[in-house]
Amino acid sequence: MLYPILSVLVYTIIKTPDLDSVEFSLGANFATAGGFGSNQVSTILGLGVFFDGFLYSFELSGYRI
């Protein structure tokens, strides 16, 4: 489950332009999200953080899935 999320993270980091050249406004900014919708990118990366924390908490507590 984490490999597709990792690939979105790497793609977003590679495709994001230098932030000095981006004009920020109140709307969604597709340039800073690697060409995708910013809501979709934040949802996928948020799920990645959740899954990583969820699996890490099981490792710390000693419980195994």
PDB file of N, CA and C in Angstrom:
ATOM      1  N   MET A   1       0.808  -1.194   0.000  1.00  0.00           N
ATOM      2  CA  MET A   1       0.000   0.000   0.000  1.00  0.00           C
ATOM      3  C   MET A   1       0.858   1.268   0.000  1.00  0.00           C
ATOM      4  N   LEU A   2       2.033   1.182   0.570  1.00  0.00           N
ATOM      5  CA  LEU A   2       2.848   2.386   0.682  1.00  0.00           C
ATOM      6  C   LEU A   2       3.654   2.706  -0.572  1.00  0.00           C
ATOM      7  N   TYR A   3       3.886   1.718  -1.442  1.00  0.00           N
ATOM      8  CA  TYR A   3       4.689   1.974  -2.647  1.00  0.00           C
ATOM      9  C   TYR A   3       4.033   2.973  -3.606  1.00  0.00           C
ATOM     10  N   PRO A   4       2.721   2.872  -3.887  1.00  0.00           N
ATOM     11  CA  PRO A   4       2.124   3.913  -4.753  1.00  0.00           C
ATOM     12  C   PRO A   4       2.149   5.293  -4.114  1.00  0.00           C
ATOM     13  N   ILE A   5       1.998   5.345  -2.799  1.00  0.00           N
ATOM     14  CA  ILE A   5       2.046   6.631  -2.116  1.00  0.00           C
ATOM     15  C   ILE A   5       3.450   7.212  -2.185  1.00  0.00           C
ATOM     16  N   LEU A   6       4.444   6.365  -2.048  1.00  0.00           N
ATOM     17  CA  LEU A   6       5.831   6.808  -2.157  1.00  0.00           C
ATOM     18  C   LEU A   6       6.136   7.326  -3.561  1.00  0.00           C
ATOM     19  N   SER A   7       5.576   6.664  -4.570  1.00  0.00           N
ATOM     20  CA  SER A   7       5.819   7.127  -5.940  1.00  0.00           C
ATOM     21  C   SER A   7       5.160   8.482  -6.194  1.00  0.00           C
ATOM     22  N   VAL A   8       3.983   8.735  -5.620  1.00  0.00           N
ATOM     23  CA  VAL A   8       3.342  10.048  -5.747  1.00  0.00           C
ATOM     24  C   VAL A   8       4.186  11.115  -5.051  1.00  0.00           C
ATOM     25  N   LEU A   9       4.745  10.770  -3.900  1.00  0.00           N
ATOM     26  CA  LEU A   9       5.603  11.713  -3.182  1.00  0.00           C
ATOM     27  C   LEU A   9       6.833  12.074  -4.001  1.00  0.00           C
ATOM     28  N   VAL A  10       7.500  11.088  -4.561  1.00  0.00           N
ATOM     29  CA  VAL A  10       8.706  11.338  -5.358  1.00  0.00           C
ATOM     30  C   VAL A  10       8.359  12.142  -6.606  1.00  0.00           C
ATOM     31  N   TYR A  11       7.275  11.793  -7.284  1.00  0.00           N
ATOM     32  CA  TYR A  11       6.862  12.519  -8.487  1.00  0.00           C
ATOM     33  C   TYR A  11       6.533  13.971  -8.163  1.00  0.00           C
ATOM     34  N   THR A  12       5.863  14.194  -7.045  1.00  0.00           N
ATOM     35  CA  THR A  12       5.506  15.558  -6.655  1.00  0.00           C
ATOM     36  C   THR A  12       6.751  16.372  -6.330  1.00  0.00           C
ATOM     37  N   ILE A  13       7.713  15.768  -5.663  1.00  0.00           N
ATOM     38  CA  ILE A  13       8.951  16.476  -5.342  1.00  0.00           C
ATOM     39  C   ILE A  13       9.715  16.826  -6.616  1.00  0.00           C
ATOM     40  N   ILE A  14       9.772  15.899  -7.566  1.00  0.00           N
ATOM     41  CA  ILE A  14      10.508  16.136  -8.809  1.00  0.00           C
ATOM     42  C   ILE A  14       9.822  17.195  -9.675  1.00  0.00           C
ATOM     43  N   LYS A  15       8.504  17.140  -9.793  1.00  0.00           N
ATOM     44  CA  LYS A  15       7.784  18.028 -10.709  1.00  0.00           C
ATOM     45  C   LYS A  15       7.470  19.406 -10.128  1.00  0.00           C
ATOM     46  N   THR A  16       7.653  19.607  -8.826  1.00  0.00           N
ATOM     47  CA  THR A  16       7.342  20.907  -8.238  1.00  0.00           C
ATOM     48  C   THR A  16       8.408  21.916  -8.652  1.00  0.00           C
ATOM     49  N   PRO A  17       7.996  23.049  -9.229  1.00  0.00           N
ATOM     50  CA  PRO A  17       8.980  24.053  -9.642  1.00  0.00           C
ATOM     51  C   PRO A  17       9.540  24.788  -8.424  1.00  0.00           C
ATOM     52  N   ASP A  18      10.536  25.599  -8.676  1.00  0.00           N
ATOM     53  CA  ASP A  18      11.103  26.432  -7.625  1.00  0.00           C
ATOM     54  C   ASP A  18      10.003  27.355  -7.098  1.00  0.00           C
ATOM     55  N   LEU A  19       9.848  27.418  -5.782  1.00  0.00           N
ATOM     56  CA  LEU A  19       8.728  28.158  -5.213  1.00  0.00           C
ATOM     57  C   LEU A  19       8.853  29.665  -5.401  1.00  0.00           C
ATOM     58  N   ASP A  20      10.034  30.149  -5.731  1.00  0.00           N
ATOM     59  CA  ASP A  20      10.182  31.577  -6.032  1.00  0.00           C
ATOM     60  C   ASP A  20       9.519  31.949  -7.356  1.00  0.00           C
ATOM     61  N   SER A  21       9.384  30.983  -8.265  1.00  0.00           N
ATOM     62  CA  SER A  21       8.787  31.263  -9.567  1.00  0.00           C
ATOM     63  C   SER A  21       7.281  31.020  -9.603  1.00  0.00           C
ATOM     64  N   VAL A  22       6.699  30.556  -8.518  1.00  0.00           N
ATOM     65  CA  VAL A  22       5.267  30.262  -8.478  1.00  0.00           C
ATOM     66  C   VAL A  22       4.522  31.459  -7.915  1.00  0.00           C
ATOM     67  N   GLU A  23       3.436  31.822  -8.595  1.00  0.00           N
ATOM     68  CA  GLU A  23       2.591  32.909  -8.101  1.00  0.00           C
ATOM     69  C   GLU A  23       1.454  32.291  -7.291  1.00  0.00           C
ATOM     70  N   PHE A  24       1.437  32.565  -6.009  1.00  0.00           N
ATOM     71  CA  PHE A  24       0.428  31.992  -5.121  1.00  0.00           C
ATOM     72  C   PHE A  24      -0.834  32.834  -5.138  1.00  0.00           C
ATOM     73  N   SER A  25      -1.986  32.153  -5.086  1.00  0.00           N
ATOM     74  CA  SER A  25      -3.274  32.830  -5.054  1.00  0.00           C
ATOM     75  C   SER A  25      -4.182  32.068  -4.094  1.00  0.00           C
ATOM     76  N   LEU A  26      -5.422  32.474  -4.014  1.00  0.00           N
ATOM     77  CA  LEU A  26      -6.353  31.830  -3.090  1.00  0.00           C
ATOM     78  C   LEU A  26      -6.895  30.504  -3.614  1.00  0.00           C
ATOM     79  N   GLY A  27      -6.761  30.244  -4.888  1.00  0.00           N
ATOM     80  CA  GLY A  27      -7.264  29.007  -5.478  1.00  0.00           C
ATOM     81  C   GLY A  27      -6.241  27.884  -5.399  1.00  0.00           C
ATOM     82  N   ALA A  28      -6.655  26.716  -5.893  1.00  0.00           N
ATOM     83  CA  ALA A  28      -5.756  25.569  -5.932  1.00  0.00           C
ATOM     84  C   ALA A  28      -4.628  25.844  -6.918  1.00  0.00           C
ATOM     85  N   ASN A  29      -3.451  25.390  -6.574  1.00  0.00           N
ATOM     86  CA  ASN A  29      -2.276  25.636  -7.405  1.00  0.00           C
ATOM     87  C   ASN A  29      -1.764  24.290  -7.916  1.00  0.00           C
ATOM     88  N   PHE A  30      -2.003  24.022  -9.179  1.00  0.00           N
ATOM     89  CA  PHE A  30      -1.617  22.740  -9.760  1.00  0.00           C
ATOM     90  C   PHE A  30      -0.109  22.620  -9.942  1.00  0.00           C
ATOM     91  N   ALA A  31       0.589  23.735 -10.066  1.00  0.00           N
ATOM     92  CA  ALA A  31       2.041  23.689 -10.268  1.00  0.00           C
ATOM     93  C   ALA A  31       2.752  23.150  -9.031  1.00  0.00           C
ATOM     94  N   THR A  32       2.295  23.541  -7.855  1.00  0.00           N
ATOM     95  CA  THR A  32       2.960  23.086  -6.634  1.00  0.00           C
ATOM     96  C   THR A  32       2.566  21.672  -6.244  1.00  0.00           C
ATOM     97  N   ALA A  33       1.558  21.108  -6.890  1.00  0.00           N
ATOM     98  CA  ALA A  33       1.139  19.732  -6.613  1.00  0.00           C
ATOM     99  C   ALA A  33       1.641  18.773  -7.680  1.00  0.00           C
ATOM    100  N   GLY A  34       2.594  19.179  -8.476  1.00  0.00           N
ATOM    101  CA  GLY A  34       3.166  18.306  -9.489  1.00  0.00           C
ATOM    102  C   GLY A  34       2.262  18.084 -10.683  1.00  0.00           C
ATOM    103  N   GLY A  35       1.304  18.970 -10.900  1.00  0.00           N
ATOM    104  CA  GLY A  35       0.389  18.831 -12.024  1.00  0.00           C
ATOM    105  C   GLY A  35      -0.914  18.134 -11.662  1.00  0.00           C
ATOM    106  N   PHE A  36      -1.004  17.584 -10.485  1.00  0.00           N
ATOM    107  CA  PHE A  36      -2.246  16.949 -10.027  1.00  0.00           C
ATOM    108  C   PHE A  36      -3.075  17.980  -9.262  1.00  0.00           C
ATOM    109  N   GLY A  37      -4.272  17.574  -8.854  1.00  0.00           N
ATOM    110  CA  GLY A  37      -5.078  18.416  -7.992  1.00  0.00           C
ATOM    111  C   GLY A  37      -4.503  18.418  -6.583  1.00  0.00           C
ATOM    112  N   SER A  38      -4.440  19.584  -5.982  1.00  0.00           N
ATOM    113  CA  SER A  38      -3.806  19.683  -4.666  1.00  0.00           C
ATOM    114  C   SER A  38      -4.570  18.901  -3.602  1.00  0.00           C
ATOM    115  N   ASN A  39      -5.896  18.811  -3.721  1.00  0.00           N
ATOM    116  CA  ASN A  39      -6.669  18.036  -2.740  1.00  0.00           C
ATOM    117  C   ASN A  39      -6.351  16.546  -2.840  1.00  0.00           C
ATOM    118  N   GLN A  40      -6.199  16.040  -4.036  1.00  0.00           N
ATOM    119  CA  GLN A  40      -5.901  14.629  -4.215  1.00  0.00           C
ATOM    120  C   GLN A  40      -4.506  14.290  -3.699  1.00  0.00           C
ATOM    121  N   VAL A  41      -3.537  15.156  -3.958  1.00  0.00           N
ATOM    122  CA  VAL A  41      -2.169  14.916  -3.495  1.00  0.00           C
ATOM    123  C   VAL A  41      -2.120  14.950  -1.973  1.00  0.00           C
ATOM    124  N   SER A  42      -2.779  15.914  -1.362  1.00  0.00           N
ATOM    125  CA  SER A  42      -2.754  15.991   0.098  1.00  0.00           C
ATOM    126  C   SER A  42      -3.476  14.811   0.726  1.00  0.00           C
ATOM    127  N   THR A  43      -4.521  14.296   0.082  1.00  0.00           N
ATOM    128  CA  THR A  43      -5.222  13.128   0.602  1.00  0.00           C
ATOM    129  C   THR A  43      -4.333  11.894   0.539  1.00  0.00           C
ATOM    130  N   ILE A  44      -3.673  11.672  -0.579  1.00  0.00           N
ATOM    131  CA  ILE A  44      -2.804  10.501  -0.731  1.00  0.00           C
ATOM    132  C   ILE A  44      -1.632  10.569   0.240  1.00  0.00           C
ATOM    133  N   LEU A  45      -0.995  11.737   0.352  1.00  0.00           N
ATOM    134  CA  LEU A  45       0.138  11.860   1.267  1.00  0.00           C
ATOM    135  C   LEU A  45      -0.316  11.764   2.721  1.00  0.00           C
ATOM    136  N   GLY A  46      -1.502  12.263   3.038  1.00  0.00           N
ATOM    137  CA  GLY A  46      -2.050  12.113   4.385  1.00  0.00           C
ATOM    138  C   GLY A  46      -2.331  10.661   4.720  1.00  0.00           C
ATOM    139  N   LEU A  47      -2.846   9.908   3.759  1.00  0.00           N
ATOM    140  CA  LEU A  47      -3.053   8.468   3.968  1.00  0.00           C
ATOM    141  C   LEU A  47      -1.724   7.761   4.192  1.00  0.00           C
ATOM    142  N   GLY A  48      -0.705   8.185   3.481  1.00  0.00           N
ATOM    143  CA  GLY A  48       0.617   7.592   3.673  1.00  0.00           C
ATOM    144  C   GLY A  48       1.143   7.827   5.075  1.00  0.00           C
ATOM    145  N   VAL A  49       0.964   9.027   5.585  1.00  0.00           N
ATOM    146  CA  VAL A  49       1.396   9.328   6.951  1.00  0.00           C
ATOM    147  C   VAL A  49       0.570   8.531   7.950  1.00  0.00           C
ATOM    148  N   PHE A  50      -0.724   8.413   7.698  1.00  0.00           N
ATOM    149  CA  PHE A  50      -1.587   7.637   8.596  1.00  0.00           C
ATOM    150  C   PHE A  50      -1.186   6.169   8.613  1.00  0.00           C
ATOM    151  N   PHE A  51      -1.017   5.570   7.435  1.00  0.00           N
ATOM    152  CA  PHE A  51      -0.635   4.153   7.367  1.00  0.00           C
ATOM    153  C   PHE A  51       0.729   3.917   8.000  1.00  0.00           C
ATOM    154  N   ASP A  52       1.660   4.822   7.756  1.00  0.00           N
ATOM    155  CA  ASP A  52       2.984   4.682   8.339  1.00  0.00           C
ATOM    156  C   ASP A  52       2.912   4.764   9.865  1.00  0.00           C
ATOM    157  N   GLY A  53       2.165   5.708  10.378  1.00  0.00           N
ATOM    158  CA  GLY A  53       2.002   5.829  11.823  1.00  0.00           C
ATOM    159  C   GLY A  53       1.241   4.666  12.416  1.00  0.00           C
ATOM    160  N   PHE A  54       0.247   4.170  11.703  1.00  0.00           N
ATOM    161  CA  PHE A  54      -0.550   3.033  12.161  1.00  0.00           C
ATOM    162  C   PHE A  54       0.312   1.780  12.263  1.00  0.00           C
ATOM    163  N   LEU A  55       1.093   1.511  11.244  1.00  0.00           N
ATOM    164  CA  LEU A  55       1.950   0.330  11.273  1.00  0.00           C
ATOM    165  C   LEU A  55       3.080   0.492  12.287  1.00  0.00           C
ATOM    166  N   TYR A  56       3.583   1.717  12.444  1.00  0.00           N
ATOM    167  CA  TYR A  56       4.658   1.973  13.390  1.00  0.00           C
ATOM    168  C   TYR A  56       4.164   1.826  14.827  1.00  0.00           C
ATOM    169  N   SER A  57       2.910   2.208  15.085  1.00  0.00           N
ATOM    170  CA  SER A  57       2.377   2.092  16.444  1.00  0.00           C
ATOM    171  C   SER A  57       2.227   0.622  16.837  1.00  0.00           C
ATOM    172  N   PHE A  58       1.891  -0.245  15.891  1.00  0.00           N
ATOM    173  CA  PHE A  58       1.822  -1.673  16.196  1.00  0.00           C
ATOM    174  C   PHE A  58       3.205  -2.231  16.496  1.00  0.00           C
ATOM    175  N   GLU A  59       4.200  -1.718  15.815  1.00  0.00           N
ATOM    176  CA  GLU A  59       5.565  -2.187  16.040  1.00  0.00           C
ATOM    177  C   GLU A  59       6.062  -1.768  17.428  1.00  0.00           C
ATOM    178  N   LEU A  60       5.706  -0.567  17.868  1.00  0.00           N
ATOM    179  CA  LEU A  60       6.138  -0.092  19.179  1.00  0.00           C
ATOM    180  C   LEU A  60       5.399  -0.789  20.329  1.00  0.00           C
ATOM    181  N   SER A  61       4.116  -1.081  20.107  1.00  0.00           N
ATOM    182  CA  SER A  61       3.327  -1.666  21.188  1.00  0.00           C
ATOM    183  C   SER A  61       3.549  -3.162  21.337  1.00  0.00           C
ATOM    184  N   GLY A  62       4.148  -3.795  20.342  1.00  0.00           N
ATOM    185  CA  GLY A  62       4.414  -5.230  20.430  1.00  0.00           C
ATOM    186  C   GLY A  62       3.333  -6.086  19.801  1.00  0.00           C
ATOM    187  N   TYR A  63       2.207  -5.471  19.409  1.00  0.00           N
ATOM    188  CA  TYR A  63       1.144  -6.226  18.751  1.00  0.00           C
ATOM    189  C   TYR A  63       1.511  -6.448  17.281  1.00  0.00           C
ATOM    190  N   ARG A  64       1.144  -7.581  16.770  1.00  0.00           N
ATOM    191  CA  ARG A  64       1.384  -7.884  15.364  1.00  0.00           C
ATOM    192  C   ARG A  64       0.043  -8.084  14.664  1.00  0.00           C
ATOM    193  N   ILE A  65      -0.026  -7.651  13.432  1.00  0.00           N
ATOM    194  CA  ILE A  65      -1.255  -7.841  12.650  1.00  0.00           C
ATOM    195  C   ILE A  65      -1.270  -9.241  12.101  1.00  0.00           C
TER     196      ILE A  65
END
